[in-house]
C-alpha cells in the first residue's frame, strides 16, 4: 500500500491497523489553514475589492432610489389630507409599483453579485490549490491536509509559507475579470 494510502487506512480504521503507522511514519505531512488563506491572501483581498468596485455604483444607485422613495412616502403622508381620494390612491399605487421595481432591481443585483462572487471564488480556489500543490511538490511533501484538521503541531503548518508564495505571485498575476 503506498504511503498516502497507509495513512488513510490508519485514519479510516481508527488506528486499528498496527503495522500501518510505522509505514506512514516516513511521510512528509503538512497542514494548511485554508480559511486563513481565503481571508488573508492578496488574491482573496483583490477578489473582494473587485467585487466591491464592480457593484458599488449599482448599490449606490439603489440606495439613492430607496431614499427617494422614502421621501415620496413621507410627502404622501404629509399631504394626504389635502389630496383627493383618487390622488391618494394613484400616489399610493405609484409608490407601491416603485417599491416593487426597487425590490426587483435589488434582487437582480444580488443575483449578479452572487454569480460574480462565485466566479471570483472559483478562480481564487484554483489559485490557492495550485500554489499549495506547487509548494508541496517543490518541498516533497507526501500529504497536505486542510479542512477538517482538529489538531496539528504548529511545525506542520505551512500556511505562512503559502501566504508568502501567494503574496509574491500576486504581484505577477491578478485575478481575471
Protein backbone atom coordinates (compact mmCIF):
# COMPACT_ATOMS: atom_id res chain seq x y z
CA UNK A 1 0.00 0.00 0.00
CA UNK A 2 1.56 3.38 -0.94
CA UNK A 3 2.38 5.72 1.96
CA UNK A 4 -0.61 8.03 1.47
CA UNK A 5 -2.97 5.09 1.40
CA UNK A 6 -1.38 3.65 4.53
CA UNK A 7 -2.07 6.86 6.42
CA UNK A 8 -5.60 6.98 5.03
CA UNK A 9 -6.13 3.37 6.15
CA UNK A 10 -5.00 4.28 9.65
CA UNK A 11 -7.28 7.28 9.77
CA UNK A 12 -10.24 5.35 8.39
CA UNK A 13 -9.67 2.30 10.55
CA UNK A 14 -9.39 4.46 13.62
CA UNK A 15 -5.88 3.27 14.33
CA UNK A 16 -6.77 -0.43 14.34
CA UNK A 17 -4.04 -1.34 11.86
CA UNK A 18 -0.91 -1.72 13.96
CA UNK A 19 1.70 -2.00 11.19
CA UNK A 20 0.37 0.86 9.08
CA UNK A 21 1.54 3.73 11.34
CA UNK A 22 5.15 2.57 11.05
CA UNK A 23 4.90 2.64 7.27
CA UNK A 24 3.19 6.01 7.39
CA UNK A 25 5.75 7.47 9.78
CA UNK A 26 8.15 8.27 6.91
CA UNK A 27 5.61 10.52 5.25
CA UNK A 28 6.18 14.23 4.99
CA UNK A 29 2.89 15.75 6.13
CA UNK A 30 1.87 19.40 6.31
CA UNK A 31 -1.23 21.33 7.27
CA UNK A 32 -2.68 24.43 5.62
CA UNK A 33 -5.24 26.71 7.22
CA UNK A 34 -7.33 27.12 4.08
CA UNK A 35 -9.76 29.52 5.76
CA UNK A 36 -6.88 31.83 6.64
CA UNK A 37 -5.66 31.70 3.03
CA UNK A 38 -9.17 32.65 1.87
CA UNK A 39 -9.13 35.65 4.22
CA UNK A 40 -5.55 36.85 4.16
CA UNK A 41 -4.11 36.14 0.73
CA UNK A 42 -3.65 39.15 -1.54
CA UNK A 43 -5.67 37.31 -4.17
CA UNK A 44 -8.63 36.99 -1.78
CA UNK A 45 -8.39 40.66 -0.85
CA UNK A 46 -8.21 41.56 -4.55
CA UNK A 47 -11.31 39.47 -5.24
CA UNK A 48 -13.24 41.32 -2.52
CA UNK A 49 -12.03 44.67 -3.85
CA UNK A 50 -13.00 43.68 -7.39
CA UNK A 51 -16.47 42.66 -6.26
CA UNK A 52 -16.96 45.91 -4.36
CA UNK A 53 -15.69 48.05 -7.23
CA UNK A 54 -17.90 46.31 -9.78
CA UNK A 55 -21.09 46.64 -7.76
CA UNK A 56 -20.61 49.79 -5.67
CA UNK A 57 -22.11 52.11 -8.32
CA UNK A 58 -25.22 49.93 -8.64
CA UNK A 59 -25.53 49.70 -4.85
CA UNK A 60 -25.26 53.48 -4.53
CA UNK A 61 -27.88 53.94 -7.24
CA UNK A 62 -30.29 51.59 -5.48
CA UNK A 63 -29.70 53.36 -2.17
CA UNK A 64 -30.43 56.72 -3.78
CA UNK A 65 -33.62 55.30 -5.29
CA UNK A 66 -34.67 53.89 -1.90
CA UNK A 67 -34.03 57.26 -0.26
CA UNK A 68 -36.10 58.99 -2.94
CA UNK A 69 -38.97 56.57 -2.34
CA UNK A 70 -38.85 57.25 1.39
CA UNK A 71 -39.09 60.99 0.72
CA UNK A 72 -42.06 60.40 -1.61
CA UNK A 73 -43.74 58.24 1.01
CA UNK A 74 -43.22 60.90 3.70
CA UNK A 75 -44.58 63.59 1.36
CA UNK A 76 -47.62 61.44 0.66
CA UNK A 77 -48.28 61.08 4.39
CA UNK A 78 -47.90 64.83 4.94
CA UNK A 79 -50.09 65.82 2.00
CA UNK A 80 -52.69 63.05 2.22
CA UNK A 81 -55.19 65.28 3.97
CA UNK A 82 -55.15 67.85 1.17
CA UNK A 83 -55.38 65.28 -1.66
CA UNK A 84 -58.50 63.83 -3.22
CA UNK A 85 -59.15 60.12 -2.74
CA UNK A 86 -58.21 59.49 -6.40
CA UNK A 87 -54.95 61.41 -5.98
CA UNK A 88 -54.10 59.45 -2.82
CA UNK A 89 -54.97 56.15 -4.47
CA UNK A 90 -52.88 57.00 -7.54
CA UNK A 91 -49.94 58.17 -5.41
CA UNK A 92 -50.09 55.01 -3.27
CA UNK A 93 -50.30 52.81 -6.38
CA UNK A 94 -47.33 54.63 -7.92
CA UNK A 95 -45.34 54.28 -4.70
CA UNK A 96 -46.16 50.59 -4.37
CA UNK A 97 -45.11 49.95 -8.00
CA UNK A 98 -41.85 51.84 -7.46
CA UNK A 99 -41.10 49.83 -4.31
CA UNK A 100 -41.77 46.62 -6.22
CA UNK A 101 -39.49 47.79 -9.02
CA UNK A 102 -36.79 48.62 -6.47
CA UNK A 103 -37.14 45.18 -4.87
CA UNK A 104 -36.83 43.54 -8.30
CA UNK A 105 -33.70 45.57 -9.08
CA UNK A 106 -32.19 44.69 -5.69
CA UNK A 107 -32.89 41.02 -6.30
CA UNK A 108 -31.32 41.15 -9.76
CA UNK A 109 -28.23 42.91 -8.47
CA UNK A 110 -27.92 40.42 -5.61
CA UNK A 111 -28.10 37.59 -8.16
CA UNK A 112 -25.39 39.32 -10.20
CA UNK A 113 -23.24 39.78 -7.08
CA UNK A 114 -23.65 36.11 -6.15
CA UNK A 115 -22.76 34.97 -9.66
CA UNK A 116 -19.69 37.18 -9.80
CA UNK A 117 -18.64 36.18 -6.26
CA UNK A 118 -18.86 32.52 -7.29
CA UNK A 119 -16.73 33.21 -10.37
CA UNK A 120 -14.10 35.03 -8.31
CA UNK A 121 -14.15 32.33 -5.60
CA UNK A 122 -13.66 29.64 -8.20
CA UNK A 123 -10.64 31.50 -9.62
CA UNK A 124 -9.30 32.11 -6.12
CA UNK A 125 -9.70 28.49 -5.08
CA UNK A 126 -7.92 27.36 -8.26
CA UNK A 127 -5.06 29.72 -7.49
CA UNK A 128 -4.82 28.62 -3.86
CA UNK A 129 -4.88 24.94 -4.76
CA UNK A 130 -2.25 25.43 -7.45
CA UNK A 131 0.09 27.34 -5.11
CA UNK A 132 -0.32 24.77 -2.32
CA UNK A 133 0.27 21.89 -4.74
CA UNK A 134 3.32 23.54 -6.29
CA UNK A 135 4.72 24.31 -2.83
CA UNK A 136 4.13 20.73 -1.66
CA UNK A 137 5.72 19.21 -4.79
CA UNK A 138 8.74 21.52 -4.61
CA UNK A 139 9.35 20.58 -0.96
CA UNK A 140 8.49 16.92 -1.48
CA UNK A 141 5.51 16.69 0.86
CA UNK A 142 3.57 13.45 0.60
CA UNK A 143 0.37 14.82 2.10
CA UNK A 144 -1.05 18.27 2.76
CA UNK A 145 -4.18 18.47 4.90
CA UNK A 146 -6.56 21.41 5.07
CA UNK A 147 -10.19 21.44 6.19
CA UNK A 148 -11.26 19.06 8.90
CA UNK A 149 -7.99 19.05 10.85
CA UNK A 150 -8.83 19.11 14.52
CA UNK A 151 -5.27 19.40 15.76
CA UNK A 152 -1.82 19.63 14.29
CA UNK A 153 1.52 20.60 15.71
CA UNK A 154 2.49 24.09 14.60
CA UNK A 155 5.64 22.69 12.99
CA UNK A 156 3.41 21.06 10.37
CA UNK A 157 1.66 24.34 9.46
CA UNK A 158 2.85 25.65 6.09
CA UNK A 159 0.19 28.37 5.91
CA UNK A 160 2.68 31.25 6.44
CA UNK A 161 4.89 29.91 3.65
CA UNK A 162 1.88 29.54 1.35
CA UNK A 163 0.80 33.11 2.15
CA UNK A 164 4.30 34.29 1.24
CA UNK A 165 4.12 32.40 -2.05
CA UNK A 166 0.70 33.90 -2.75
CA UNK A 167 1.99 37.39 -1.97
CA UNK A 168 4.90 37.00 -4.37
CA UNK A 169 2.55 35.60 -7.02
CA UNK A 170 0.03 38.42 -6.51
CA UNK A 171 2.46 40.92 -7.97
CA UNK A 172 2.62 38.87 -11.15
CA UNK A 173 -0.88 37.52 -11.79
CA UNK A 174 -4.01 39.42 -10.67
CA UNK A 175 -7.40 37.70 -10.83
CA UNK A 176 -9.09 37.79 -14.22
CA UNK A 177 -12.25 39.74 -14.88
